[in-house]
Amino acid sequence: MVDVAPARFAELVGEALDSIPEELSRLMDNVAVVVDDESPPAGLFGLYQGIPLTERTTYGAYGFAAPDRITIFRRGICASCRTEDEVVEQVRITVVHEVAHHFGIDDARLDELGWA
């Protein structure tokens, strides 16, 4: 286990988001990305909650809804890594995985692509 400080971990998440190609990142819509410093449920590294872009129709009576949420679990990732370099890589994989869910890509397809 390696303990990456919360502020540094948040930077790593930001860097992972910045590494997403611009043509994809500009398509991300109504999604918040947060870091959870507590222990994750069932050993998760990340969690996407919301309605994928491929399944959205309208946003309620007034045309809006609460944002989707991507949570990245700091303790879960740190517990699985031995070095900060491993944390950097796992954060990148996790961010890409959860953003893919935002775009409607399921776990089976992510596994085929090597991002599961």
PDB file of N, CA and C in Angstrom:
ATOM      1  N   MET A   1       0.843  -1.194   0.000  1.00  0.00           N
ATOM      2  CA  MET A   1       0.000   0.000   0.000  1.00  0.00           C
ATOM      3  C   MET A   1       0.879   1.244   0.000  1.00  0.00           C
ATOM      4  N   VAL A   2       0.456   2.236  -0.755  1.00  0.00           N
ATOM      5  CA  VAL A   2       1.123   3.527  -0.751  1.00  0.00           C
ATOM      6  C   VAL A   2       0.061   4.565  -0.396  1.00  0.00           C
ATOM      7  N   ASP A   3       0.436   5.521   0.439  1.00  0.00           N
ATOM      8  CA  ASP A   3      -0.525   6.551   0.831  1.00  0.00           C
ATOM      9  C   ASP A   3      -0.200   7.849   0.095  1.00  0.00           C
ATOM     10  N   VAL A   4      -0.988   8.135  -0.911  1.00  0.00           N
ATOM     11  CA  VAL A   4      -0.838   9.386  -1.654  1.00  0.00           C
ATOM     12  C   VAL A   4      -1.756  10.410  -0.992  1.00  0.00           C
ATOM     13  N   ALA A   5      -1.212  11.547  -0.639  1.00  0.00           N
ATOM     14  CA  ALA A   5      -1.976  12.588   0.048  1.00  0.00           C
ATOM     15  C   ALA A   5      -3.192  12.997  -0.785  1.00  0.00           C
ATOM     16  N   PRO A   6      -4.297  13.358  -0.121  1.00  0.00           N
ATOM     17  CA  PRO A   6      -5.516  13.733  -0.836  1.00  0.00           C
ATOM     18  C   PRO A   6      -5.307  14.804  -1.905  1.00  0.00           C
ATOM     19  N   ALA A   7      -4.546  15.839  -1.605  1.00  0.00           N
ATOM     20  CA  ALA A   7      -4.336  16.909  -2.591  1.00  0.00           C
ATOM     21  C   ALA A   7      -3.583  16.389  -3.805  1.00  0.00           C
ATOM     22  N   ARG A   8      -2.572  15.580  -3.585  1.00  0.00           N
ATOM     23  CA  ARG A   8      -1.804  15.006  -4.698  1.00  0.00           C
ATOM     24  C   ARG A   8      -2.680  14.063  -5.514  1.00  0.00           C
ATOM     25  N   PHE A   9      -3.497  13.261  -4.839  1.00  0.00           N
ATOM     26  CA  PHE A   9      -4.387  12.335  -5.525  1.00  0.00           C
ATOM     27  C   PHE A   9      -5.367  13.101  -6.410  1.00  0.00           C
ATOM     28  N   ALA A  10      -5.920  14.192  -5.897  1.00  0.00           N
ATOM     29  CA  ALA A  10      -6.837  15.014  -6.691  1.00  0.00           C
ATOM     30  C   ALA A  10      -6.133  15.556  -7.938  1.00  0.00           C
ATOM     31  N   GLU A  11      -4.855  15.921  -7.802  1.00  0.00           N
ATOM     32  CA  GLU A  11      -4.076  16.363  -8.968  1.00  0.00           C
ATOM     33  C   GLU A  11      -3.973  15.250 -10.002  1.00  0.00           C
ATOM     34  N   LEU A  12      -3.746  14.022  -9.530  1.00  0.00           N
ATOM     35  CA  LEU A  12      -3.628  12.888 -10.440  1.00  0.00           C
ATOM     36  C   LEU A  12      -4.932  12.651 -11.198  1.00  0.00           C
ATOM     37  N   VAL A  13      -6.057  12.811 -10.510  1.00  0.00           N
ATOM     38  CA  VAL A  13      -7.354  12.666 -11.169  1.00  0.00           C
ATOM     39  C   VAL A  13      -7.514  13.758 -12.224  1.00  0.00           C
ATOM     40  N   GLY A  14      -7.139  14.980 -11.879  1.00  0.00           N
ATOM     41  CA  GLY A  14      -7.204  16.084 -12.841  1.00  0.00           C
ATOM     42  C   GLY A  14      -6.320  15.831 -14.050  1.00  0.00           C
ATOM     43  N   GLU A  15      -5.129  15.318 -13.824  1.00  0.00           N
ATOM     44  CA  GLU A  15      -4.225  15.016 -14.929  1.00  0.00           C
ATOM     45  C   GLU A  15      -4.802  13.914 -15.816  1.00  0.00           C
ATOM     46  N   ALA A  16      -5.429  12.917 -15.195  1.00  0.00           N
ATOM     47  CA  ALA A  16      -6.048  11.840 -15.979  1.00  0.00           C
ATOM     48  C   ALA A  16      -7.186  12.390 -16.838  1.00  0.00           C
ATOM     49  N   LEU A  17      -7.982  13.276 -16.264  1.00  0.00           N
ATOM     50  CA  LEU A  17      -9.067  13.901 -17.038  1.00  0.00           C
ATOM     51  C   LEU A  17      -8.501  14.740 -18.175  1.00  0.00           C
ATOM     52  N   ASP A  18      -7.420  15.470 -17.900  1.00  0.00           N
ATOM     53  CA  ASP A  18      -6.792  16.303 -18.929  1.00  0.00           C
ATOM     54  C   ASP A  18      -6.211  15.468 -20.063  1.00  0.00           C
ATOM     55  N   SER A  19      -5.899  14.196 -19.799  1.00  0.00           N
ATOM     56  CA  SER A  19      -5.296  13.345 -20.824  1.00  0.00           C
ATOM     57  C   SER A  19      -6.331  12.768 -21.795  1.00  0.00           C
ATOM     58  N   ILE A  20      -7.607  12.932 -21.478  1.00  0.00           N
ATOM     59  CA  ILE A  20      -8.655  12.453 -22.380  1.00  0.00           C
ATOM     60  C   ILE A  20      -8.640  13.354 -23.615  1.00  0.00           C
ATOM     61  N   PRO A  21      -8.646  12.755 -24.800  1.00  0.00           N
ATOM     62  CA  PRO A  21      -8.604  13.580 -26.022  1.00  0.00           C
ATOM     63  C   PRO A  21      -9.704  14.636 -26.029  1.00  0.00           C
ATOM     64  N   GLU A  22      -9.352  15.831 -26.504  1.00  0.00           N
ATOM     65  CA  GLU A  22     -10.270  16.962 -26.482  1.00  0.00           C
ATOM     66  C   GLU A  22     -11.578  16.670 -27.217  1.00  0.00           C
ATOM     67  N   GLU A  23     -11.494  15.921 -28.308  1.00  0.00           N
ATOM     68  CA  GLU A  23     -12.718  15.625 -29.054  1.00  0.00           C
ATOM     69  C   GLU A  23     -13.710  14.801 -28.230  1.00  0.00           C
ATOM     70  N   LEU A  24     -13.225  14.068 -27.234  1.00  0.00           N
ATOM     71  CA  LEU A  24     -14.118  13.349 -26.320  1.00  0.00           C
ATOM     72  C   LEU A  24     -14.479  14.199 -25.108  1.00  0.00           C
ATOM     73  N   SER A  25     -13.493  14.848 -24.520  1.00  0.00           N
ATOM     74  CA  SER A  25     -13.767  15.592 -23.289  1.00  0.00           C
ATOM     75  C   SER A  25     -14.769  16.717 -23.507  1.00  0.00           C
ATOM     76  N   ARG A  26     -14.766  17.321 -24.686  1.00  0.00           N
ATOM     77  CA  ARG A  26     -15.736  18.391 -24.924  1.00  0.00           C
ATOM     78  C   ARG A  26     -17.153  17.853 -25.080  1.00  0.00           C
ATOM     79  N   LEU A  27     -17.294  16.546 -25.316  1.00  0.00           N
ATOM     80  CA  LEU A  27     -18.613  15.921 -25.416  1.00  0.00           C
ATOM     81  C   LEU A  27     -19.177  15.507 -24.060  1.00  0.00           C
ATOM     82  N   MET A  28     -18.322  15.494 -23.041  1.00  0.00           N
ATOM     83  CA  MET A  28     -18.812  15.152 -21.704  1.00  0.00           C
ATOM     84  C   MET A  28     -19.825  16.213 -21.291  1.00  0.00           C
ATOM     85  N   ASP A  29     -20.970  15.748 -20.776  1.00  0.00           N
ATOM     86  CA  ASP A  29     -22.051  16.678 -20.498  1.00  0.00           C
ATOM     87  C   ASP A  29     -22.686  16.376 -19.152  1.00  0.00           C
ATOM     88  N   ASN A  30     -22.757  17.397 -18.314  1.00  0.00           N
ATOM     89  CA  ASN A  30     -23.474  17.314 -17.049  1.00  0.00           C
ATOM     90  C   ASN A  30     -22.949  16.172 -16.180  1.00  0.00           C
ATOM     91  N   VAL A  31     -21.648  16.155 -15.962  1.00  0.00           N
ATOM     92  CA  VAL A  31     -21.025  15.112 -15.136  1.00  0.00           C
ATOM     93  C   VAL A  31     -20.024  15.760 -14.183  1.00  0.00           C
ATOM     94  N   ALA A  32     -20.103  15.370 -12.921  1.00  0.00           N
ATOM     95  CA  ALA A  32     -19.167  15.833 -11.903  1.00  0.00           C
ATOM     96  C   ALA A  32     -18.208  14.697 -11.572  1.00  0.00           C
ATOM     97  N   VAL A  33     -16.934  15.018 -11.453  1.00  0.00           N
ATOM     98  CA  VAL A  33     -15.933  14.028 -11.073  1.00  0.00           C
ATOM     99  C   VAL A  33     -15.430  14.415  -9.692  1.00  0.00           C
ATOM    100  N   VAL A  34     -15.537  13.471  -8.746  1.00  0.00           N
ATOM    101  CA  VAL A  34     -15.147  13.746  -7.365  1.00  0.00           C
ATOM    102  C   VAL A  34     -14.230  12.639  -6.857  1.00  0.00           C
ATOM    103  N   VAL A  35     -13.441  12.984  -5.844  1.00  0.00           N
ATOM    104  CA  VAL A  35     -12.591  12.017  -5.164  1.00  0.00           C
ATOM    105  C   VAL A  35     -13.204  11.728  -3.810  1.00  0.00           C
ATOM    106  N   ASP A  36     -13.309  10.451  -3.480  1.00  0.00           N
ATOM    107  CA  ASP A  36     -13.804  10.013  -2.171  1.00  0.00           C
ATOM    108  C   ASP A  36     -12.609   9.472  -1.395  1.00  0.00           C
ATOM    109  N   ASP A  37     -12.326  10.070  -0.247  1.00  0.00           N
ATOM    110  CA  ASP A  37     -11.189   9.653   0.570  1.00  0.00           C
ATOM    111  C   ASP A  37     -11.520   8.509   1.518  1.00  0.00           C
ATOM    112  N   GLU A  38     -12.762   8.101   1.564  1.00  0.00           N
ATOM    113  CA  GLU A  38     -13.151   7.004   2.455  1.00  0.00           C
ATOM    114  C   GLU A  38     -12.931   5.670   1.761  1.00  0.00           C
ATOM    115  N   SER A  39     -13.116   4.606   2.512  1.00  0.00           N
ATOM    116  CA  SER A  39     -12.993   3.273   1.933  1.00  0.00           C
ATOM    117  C   SER A  39     -14.127   3.043   0.945  1.00  0.00           C
ATOM    118  N   PRO A  40     -13.797   2.503  -0.216  1.00  0.00           N
ATOM    119  CA  PRO A  40     -14.827   2.293  -1.224  1.00  0.00           C
ATOM    120  C   PRO A  40     -15.698   1.089  -0.901  1.00  0.00           C
ATOM    121  N   PRO A  41     -16.899   1.079  -1.429  1.00  0.00           N
ATOM    122  CA  PRO A  41     -17.736  -0.110  -1.271  1.00  0.00           C
ATOM    123  C   PRO A  41     -17.177  -1.256  -2.110  1.00  0.00           C
ATOM    124  N   ALA A  42     -17.110  -2.432  -1.528  1.00  0.00           N
ATOM    125  CA  ALA A  42     -16.737  -3.667  -2.240  1.00  0.00           C
ATOM    126  C   ALA A  42     -15.439  -3.545  -3.034  1.00  0.00           C
ATOM    127  N   GLY A  43     -14.474  -2.793  -2.532  1.00  0.00           N
ATOM    128  CA  GLY A  43     -13.184  -2.698  -3.192  1.00  0.00           C
ATOM    129  C   GLY A  43     -13.171  -1.977  -4.523  1.00  0.00           C
ATOM    130  N   LEU A  44     -14.129  -1.121  -4.773  1.00  0.00           N
ATOM    131  CA  LEU A  44     -14.175  -0.385  -6.035  1.00  0.00           C
ATOM    132  C   LEU A  44     -13.074   0.667  -6.112  1.00  0.00           C
ATOM    133  N   PHE A  45     -12.604   0.902  -7.329  1.00  0.00           N
ATOM    134  CA  PHE A  45     -11.672   2.000  -7.580  1.00  0.00           C
ATOM    135  C   PHE A  45     -12.425   3.235  -8.040  1.00  0.00           C
ATOM    136  N   GLY A  46     -13.538   3.031  -8.729  1.00  0.00           N
ATOM    137  CA  GLY A  46     -14.339   4.130  -9.235  1.00  0.00           C
ATOM    138  C   GLY A  46     -15.781   3.705  -9.409  1.00  0.00           C
ATOM    139  N   LEU A  47     -16.653   4.704  -9.530  1.00  0.00           N
ATOM    140  CA  LEU A  47     -18.077   4.421  -9.680  1.00  0.00           C
ATOM    141  C   LEU A  47     -18.719   5.510 -10.520  1.00  0.00           C
ATOM    142  N   TYR A  48     -19.456   5.086 -11.547  1.00  0.00           N
ATOM    143  CA  TYR A  48     -20.229   6.010 -12.365  1.00  0.00           C
ATOM    144  C   TYR A  48     -21.687   5.892 -11.953  1.00  0.00           C
ATOM    145  N   GLN A  49     -22.312   7.026 -11.680  1.00  0.00           N
ATOM    146  CA  GLN A  49     -23.731   7.060 -11.334  1.00  0.00           C
ATOM    147  C   GLN A  49     -24.394   8.102 -12.221  1.00  0.00           C
ATOM    148  N   GLY A  50     -25.396   7.677 -12.965  1.00  0.00           N
ATOM    149  CA  GLY A  50     -26.097   8.623 -13.814  1.00  0.00           C
ATOM    150  C   GLY A  50     -26.728   7.947 -15.004  1.00  0.00           C
ATOM    151  N   ILE A  51     -27.042   8.757 -15.988  1.00  0.00           N
ATOM    152  CA  ILE A  51     -27.649   8.281 -17.230  1.00  0.00           C
ATOM    153  C   ILE A  51     -26.619   8.496 -18.337  1.00  0.00           C
ATOM    154  N   PRO A  52     -26.103   7.404 -18.917  1.00  0.00           N
ATOM    155  CA  PRO A  52     -25.110   7.561 -19.988  1.00  0.00           C
ATOM    156  C   PRO A  52     -25.642   8.429 -21.122  1.00  0.00           C
ATOM    157  N   LEU A  53     -24.752   9.118 -21.784  1.00  0.00           N
ATOM    158  CA  LEU A  53     -25.141  10.008 -22.874  1.00  0.00           C
ATOM    159  C   LEU A  53     -25.943   9.279 -23.941  1.00  0.00           C
ATOM    160  N   THR A  54     -25.647   8.001 -24.155  1.00  0.00           N
ATOM    161  CA  THR A  54     -26.352   7.238 -25.186  1.00  0.00           C
ATOM    162  C   THR A  54     -27.783   6.897 -24.807  1.00  0.00           C
ATOM    163  N   GLU A  55     -28.151   7.095 -23.543  1.00  0.00           N
ATOM    164  CA  GLU A  55     -29.498   6.755 -23.083  1.00  0.00           C
ATOM    165  C   GLU A  55     -30.331   7.979 -22.703  1.00  0.00           C
ATOM    166  N   ARG A  56     -29.759   9.150 -22.802  1.00  0.00           N
ATOM    167  CA  ARG A  56     -30.480  10.363 -22.406  1.00  0.00           C
ATOM    168  C   ARG A  56     -31.494  10.759 -23.465  1.00  0.00           C
ATOM    169  N   THR A  57     -32.611  11.220 -22.979  1.00  0.00           N
ATOM    170  CA  THR A  57     -33.615  11.768 -23.895  1.00  0.00           C
ATOM    171  C   THR A  57     -33.836  13.219 -23.522  1.00  0.00           C
ATOM    172  N   THR A  58     -34.546  13.471 -22.424  1.00  0.00           N
ATOM    173  CA  THR A  58     -34.732  14.836 -21.950  1.00  0.00           C
ATOM    174  C   THR A  58     -34.460  14.865 -20.459  1.00  0.00           C
ATOM    175  N   TYR A  59     -34.356  16.036 -19.923  1.00  0.00           N
ATOM    176  CA  TYR A  59     -34.086  16.234 -18.513  1.00  0.00           C
ATOM    177  C   TYR A  59     -35.308  16.798 -17.808  1.00  0.00           C
ATOM    178  N   GLY A  60     -36.274  15.982 -17.561  1.00  0.00           N
ATOM    179  CA  GLY A  60     -37.405  16.401 -16.750  1.00  0.00           C
ATOM    180  C   GLY A  60     -38.205  17.540 -17.354  1.00  0.00           C
ATOM    181  N   ALA A  61     -39.120  18.052 -16.564  1.00  0.00           N
ATOM    182  CA  ALA A  61     -40.062  19.070 -17.016  1.00  0.00           C
ATOM    183  C   ALA A  61     -39.380  20.386 -17.393  1.00  0.00           C
ATOM    184  N   TYR A  62     -38.256  20.700 -16.760  1.00  0.00           N
ATOM    185  CA  TYR A  62     -37.610  21.989 -16.993  1.00  0.00           C
ATOM    186  C   TYR A  62     -36.335  21.880 -17.824  1.00  0.00           C
ATOM    187  N   GLY A  63     -36.079  20.685 -18.369  1.00  0.00           N
ATOM    188  CA  GLY A  63     -34.936  20.530 -19.253  1.00  0.00           C
ATOM    189  C   GLY A  63     -33.595  20.400 -18.566  1.00  0.00           C
ATOM    190  N   PHE A  64     -33.551  20.058 -17.287  1.00  0.00           N
ATOM    191  CA  PHE A  64     -32.281  19.859 -16.611  1.00  0.00           C
ATOM    192  C   PHE A  64     -32.415  18.777 -15.550  1.00  0.00           C
ATOM    193  N   ALA A  65     -31.276  18.262 -15.132  1.00  0.00           N
ATOM    194  CA  ALA A  65     -31.248  17.233 -14.095  1.00  0.00           C
ATOM    195  C   ALA A  65     -29.953  17.388 -13.314  1.00  0.00           C
ATOM    196  N   ALA A  66     -29.918  16.737 -12.166  1.00  0.00           N
ATOM    197  CA  ALA A  66     -28.677  16.718 -11.398  1.00  0.00           C
ATOM    198  C   ALA A  66     -27.588  16.084 -12.262  1.00  0.00           C
ATOM    199  N   PRO A  67     -26.356  16.502 -12.099  1.00  0.00           N
ATOM    200  CA  PRO A  67     -25.295  15.933 -12.935  1.00  0.00           C
ATOM    201  C   PRO A  67     -25.044  14.466 -12.623  1.00  0.00           C
ATOM    202  N   ASP A  68     -24.561  13.760 -13.635  1.00  0.00           N
ATOM    203  CA  ASP A  68     -24.028  12.430 -13.406  1.00  0.00           C
ATOM    204  C   ASP A  68     -22.845  12.604 -12.467  1.00  0.00           C
ATOM    205  N   ARG A  69     -22.415  11.499 -11.875  1.00  0.00           N
ATOM    206  CA  ARG A  69     -21.325  11.583 -10.903  1.00  0.00           C
ATOM    207  C   ARG A  69     -20.335  10.453 -11.150  1.00  0.00           C
ATOM    208  N   ILE A  70     -19.084  10.821 -11.255  1.00  0.00           N
ATOM    209  CA  ILE A  70     -17.997   9.851 -11.293  1.00  0.00           C
ATOM    210  C   ILE A  70     -17.225  10.035  -9.999  1.00  0.00           C
ATOM    211  N   THR A  71     -17.138   8.958  -9.218  1.00  0.00           N
ATOM    212  CA  THR A  71     -16.398   8.983  -7.964  1.00  0.00           C
ATOM    213  C   THR A  71     -15.154   8.124  -8.120  1.00  0.00           C
ATOM    214  N   ILE A  72     -14.019   8.680  -7.748  1.00  0.00           N
ATOM    215  CA  ILE A  72     -12.756   7.955  -7.747  1.00  0.00           C
ATOM    216  C   ILE A  72     -12.361   7.750  -6.282  1.00  0.00           C
ATOM    217  N   PHE A  73     -12.134   6.498  -5.901  1.00  0.00           N
ATOM    218  CA  PHE A  73     -11.890   6.157  -4.497  1.00  0.00           C
ATOM    219  C   PHE A  73     -10.387   6.104  -4.201  1.00  0.00           C
ATOM    220  N   ARG A  74      -9.910   7.114  -3.490  1.00  0.00           N
ATOM    221  CA  ARG A  74      -8.481   7.232  -3.191  1.00  0.00           C
ATOM    222  C   ARG A  74      -7.963   6.042  -2.392  1.00  0.00           C
ATOM    223  N   ARG A  75      -8.633   5.696  -1.313  1.00  0.00           N
ATOM    224  CA  ARG A  75      -8.120   4.614  -0.458  1.00  0.00           C
ATOM    225  C   ARG A  75      -8.096   3.270  -1.172  1.00  0.00           C
ATOM    226  N   GLY A  76      -9.107   3.002  -1.968  1.00  0.00           N
ATOM    227  CA  GLY A  76      -9.137   1.741  -2.703  1.00  0.00           C
ATOM    228  C   GLY A  76      -7.979   1.615  -3.668  1.00  0.00           C
ATOM    229  N   ILE A  77      -7.698   2.698  -4.380  1.00  0.00           N
ATOM    230  CA  ILE A  77      -6.585   2.677  -5.328  1.00  0.00           C
ATOM    231  C   ILE A  77      -5.259   2.601  -4.591  1.00  0.00           C
ATOM    232  N   CYS A  78      -5.085   3.417  -3.576  1.00  0.00           N
ATOM    233  CA  CYS A  78      -3.818   3.405  -2.827  1.00  0.00           C
ATOM    234  C   CYS A  78      -3.555   2.045  -2.185  1.00  0.00           C
ATOM    235  N   ALA A  79      -4.602   1.399  -1.710  1.00  0.00           N
ATOM    236  CA  ALA A  79      -4.441   0.094  -1.055  1.00  0.00           C
ATOM    237  C   ALA A  79      -3.979  -0.981  -2.029  1.00  0.00           C
ATOM    238  N   SER A  80      -4.253  -0.789  -3.303  1.00  0.00           N
ATOM    239  CA  SER A  80      -3.894  -1.810  -4.289  1.00  0.00           C
ATOM    240  C   SER A  80      -2.536  -1.565  -4.935  1.00  0.00           C
ATOM    241  N   CYS A  81      -1.901  -0.450  -4.606  1.00  0.00           N
ATOM    242  CA  CYS A  81      -0.651  -0.063  -5.263  1.00  0.00           C
ATOM    243  C   CYS A  81       0.508  -0.040  -4.274  1.00  0.00           C
ATOM    244  N   ARG A  82       1.720  -0.270  -4.809  1.00  0.00           N
ATOM    245  CA  ARG A  82       2.913  -0.236  -3.961  1.00  0.00           C
ATOM    246  C   ARG A  82       3.752   1.018  -4.173  1.00  0.00           C
ATOM    247  N   THR A  83       3.552   1.702  -5.302  1.00  0.00           N
ATOM    248  CA  THR A  83       4.322   2.912  -5.587  1.00  0.00           C
ATOM    249  C   THR A  83       3.395   3.995  -6.117  1.00  0.00           C
ATOM    250  N   GLU A  84       3.868   5.229  -6.081  1.00  0.00           N
ATOM    251  CA  GLU A  84       3.068   6.314  -6.641  1.00  0.00           C
ATOM    252  C   GLU A  84       2.895   6.147  -8.147  1.00  0.00           C
ATOM    253  N   ASP A  85       3.892   5.605  -8.824  1.00  0.00           N
ATOM    254  CA  ASP A  85       3.752   5.368 -10.264  1.00  0.00           C
ATOM    255  C   ASP A  85       2.589   4.412 -10.541  1.00  0.00           C
ATOM    256  N   GLU A  86       2.426   3.387  -9.703  1.00  0.00           N
ATOM    257  CA  GLU A  86       1.294   2.478  -9.862  1.00  0.00           C
ATOM    258  C   GLU A  86      -0.025   3.210  -9.610  1.00  0.00           C
ATOM    259  N   VAL A  87      -0.036   4.122  -8.639  1.00  0.00           N
ATOM    260  CA  VAL A  87      -1.242   4.911  -8.368  1.00  0.00           C
ATOM    261  C   VAL A  87      -1.580   5.766  -9.579  1.00  0.00           C
ATOM    262  N   VAL A  88      -0.583   6.410 -10.165  1.00  0.00           N
ATOM    263  CA  VAL A  88      -0.807   7.246 -11.351  1.00  0.00           C
ATOM    264  C   VAL A  88      -1.471   6.426 -12.450  1.00  0.00           C
ATOM    265  N   GLU A  89      -0.942   5.238 -12.714  1.00  0.00           N
ATOM    266  CA  GLU A  89      -1.489   4.388 -13.768  1.00  0.00           C
ATOM    267  C   GLU A  89      -2.895   3.910 -13.437  1.00  0.00           C
ATOM    268  N   GLN A  90      -3.125   3.507 -12.175  1.00  0.00           N
ATOM    269  CA  GLN A  90      -4.455   3.021 -11.803  1.00  0.00           C
ATOM    270  C   GLN A  90      -5.488   4.148 -11.836  1.00  0.00           C
ATOM    271  N   VAL A  91      -5.098   5.344 -11.441  1.00  0.00           N
ATOM    272  CA  VAL A  91      -6.013   6.490 -11.528  1.00  0.00           C
ATOM    273  C   VAL A  91      -6.390   6.728 -12.987  1.00  0.00           C
ATOM    274  N   ARG A  92      -5.414   6.693 -13.882  1.00  0.00           N
ATOM    275  CA  ARG A  92      -5.682   6.912 -15.303  1.00  0.00           C
ATOM    276  C   ARG A  92      -6.647   5.860 -15.848  1.00  0.00           C
ATOM    277  N   ILE A  93      -6.377   4.608 -15.531  1.00  0.00           N
ATOM    278  CA  ILE A  93      -7.247   3.522 -15.989  1.00  0.00           C
ATOM    279  C   ILE A  93      -8.655   3.703 -15.430  1.00  0.00           C
ATOM    280  N   THR A  94      -8.757   4.032 -14.153  1.00  0.00           N
ATOM    281  CA  THR A  94     -10.060   4.175 -13.506  1.00  0.00           C
ATOM    282  C   THR A  94     -10.841   5.349 -14.078  1.00  0.00           C
ATOM    283  N   VAL A  95     -10.184   6.478 -14.270  1.00  0.00           N
ATOM    284  CA  VAL A  95     -10.865   7.647 -14.835  1.00  0.00           C
ATOM    285  C   VAL A  95     -11.375   7.330 -16.245  1.00  0.00           C
ATOM    286  N   VAL A  96     -10.537   6.738 -17.078  1.00  0.00           N
ATOM    287  CA  VAL A  96     -10.965   6.392 -18.439  1.00  0.00           C
ATOM    288  C   VAL A  96     -12.130   5.412 -18.389  1.00  0.00           C
ATOM    289  N   HIS A  97     -12.063   4.426 -17.515  1.00  0.00           N
ATOM    290  CA  HIS A  97     -13.126   3.430 -17.366  1.00  0.00           C
ATOM    291  C   HIS A  97     -14.453   4.091 -17.007  1.00  0.00           C
ATOM    292  N   GLU A  98     -14.445   4.969 -16.017  1.00  0.00           N
ATOM    293  CA  GLU A  98     -15.687   5.606 -15.573  1.00  0.00           C
ATOM    294  C   GLU A  98     -16.206   6.617 -16.602  1.00  0.00           C
ATOM    295  N   VAL A  99     -15.316   7.337 -17.254  1.00  0.00           N
ATOM    296  CA  VAL A  99     -15.744   8.257 -18.311  1.00  0.00           C
ATOM    297  C   VAL A  99     -16.369   7.457 -19.458  1.00  0.00           C
ATOM    298  N   ALA A 100     -15.819   6.293 -19.743  1.00  0.00           N
ATOM    299  CA  ALA A 100     -16.404   5.439 -20.786  1.00  0.00           C
ATOM    300  C   ALA A 100     -17.842   5.074 -20.438  1.00  0.00           C
ATOM    301  N   HIS A 101     -18.117   4.807 -19.162  1.00  0.00           N
ATOM    302  CA  HIS A 101     -19.497   4.536 -18.755  1.00  0.00           C
ATOM    303  C   HIS A 101     -20.387   5.750 -19.035  1.00  0.00           C
ATOM    304  N   HIS A 102     -19.876   6.941 -18.834  1.00  0.00           N
ATOM    305  CA  HIS A 102     -20.624   8.170 -19.136  1.00  0.00           C
ATOM    306  C   HIS A 102     -21.019   8.204 -20.615  1.00  0.00           C
ATOM    307  N   PHE A 103     -20.159   7.649 -21.467  1.00  0.00           N
ATOM    308  CA  PHE A 103     -20.434   7.592 -22.898  1.00  0.00           C
ATOM    309  C   PHE A 103     -21.218   6.344 -23.306  1.00  0.00           C
ATOM    310  N   GLY A 104     -21.633   5.545 -22.315  1.00  0.00           N
ATOM    311  CA  GLY A 104     -22.479   4.395 -22.600  1.00  0.00           C
ATOM    312  C   GLY A 104     -21.751   3.101 -22.906  1.00  0.00           C
ATOM    313  N   ILE A 105     -20.466   3.037 -22.634  1.00  0.00           N
ATOM    314  CA  ILE A 105     -19.694   1.822 -22.882  1.00  0.00           C
ATOM    315  C   ILE A 105     -19.772   0.941 -21.639  1.00  0.00           C
ATOM    316  N   ASP A 106     -20.207  -0.312 -21.816  1.00  0.00           N
ATOM    317  CA  ASP A 106     -20.397  -1.197 -20.664  1.00  0.00           C
ATOM    318  C   ASP A 106     -19.106  -1.950 -20.311  1.00  0.00           C
ATOM    319  N   ASP A 107     -19.148  -2.664 -19.186  1.00  0.00           N
ATOM    320  CA  ASP A 107     -17.962  -3.366 -18.698  1.00  0.00           C
ATOM    321  C   ASP A 107     -17.465  -4.432 -19.668  1.00  0.00           C
ATOM    322  N   ALA A 108     -18.388  -5.129 -20.339  1.00  0.00           N
ATOM    323  CA  ALA A 108     -17.973  -6.169 -21.287  1.00  0.00           C
ATOM    324  C   ALA A 108     -17.129  -5.562 -22.410  1.00  0.00           C
ATOM    325  N   ARG A 109     -17.571  -4.442 -22.954  1.00  0.00           N
ATOM    326  CA  ARG A 109     -16.819  -3.785 -24.036  1.00  0.00           C
ATOM    327  C   ARG A 109     -15.502  -3.216 -23.507  1.00  0.00           C
ATOM    328  N   LEU A 110     -15.512  -2.658 -22.293  1.00  0.00           N
ATOM    329  CA  LEU A 110     -14.276  -2.152 -21.702  1.00  0.00           C
ATOM    330  C   LEU A 110     -13.280  -3.281 -21.500  1.00  0.00           C
ATOM    331  N   ASP A 111     -13.753  -4.451 -21.128  1.00  0.00           N
ATOM    332  CA  ASP A 111     -12.874  -5.615 -20.970  1.00  0.00           C
ATOM    333  C   ASP A 111     -12.255  -5.978 -22.320  1.00  0.00           C
ATOM    334  N   GLU A 112     -13.058  -5.967 -23.384  1.00  0.00           N
ATOM    335  CA  GLU A 112     -12.546  -6.247 -24.729  1.00  0.00           C
ATOM    336  C   GLU A 112     -11.467  -5.245 -25.122  1.00  0.00           C
ATOM    337  N   LEU A 113     -11.640  -4.002 -24.700  1.00  0.00           N
ATOM    338  CA  LEU A 113     -10.695  -2.929 -25.051  1.00  0.00           C
ATOM    339  C   LEU A 113      -9.492  -2.862 -24.120  1.00  0.00           C
ATOM    340  N   GLY A 114      -9.518  -3.656 -23.035  1.00  0.00           N
ATOM    341  CA  GLY A 114      -8.414  -3.653 -22.072  1.00  0.00           C
ATOM    342  C   GLY A 114      -8.521  -2.585 -21.004  1.00  0.00           C
ATOM    343  N   TRP A 115      -9.715  -2.040 -20.787  1.00  0.00           N
ATOM    344  CA  TRP A 115      -9.909  -0.976 -19.795  1.00  0.00           C
ATOM    345  C   TRP A 115     -10.783  -1.407 -18.626  1.00  0.00           C
ATOM    346  N   ALA A 116     -10.982  -2.696 -18.460  1.00  0.00           N
ATOM    347  CA  ALA A 116     -11.849  -3.162 -17.366  1.00  0.00           C
ATOM    348  C   ALA A 116     -11.111  -3.223 -16.054  1.00  0.00           C
TER     349      ALA A 116
END
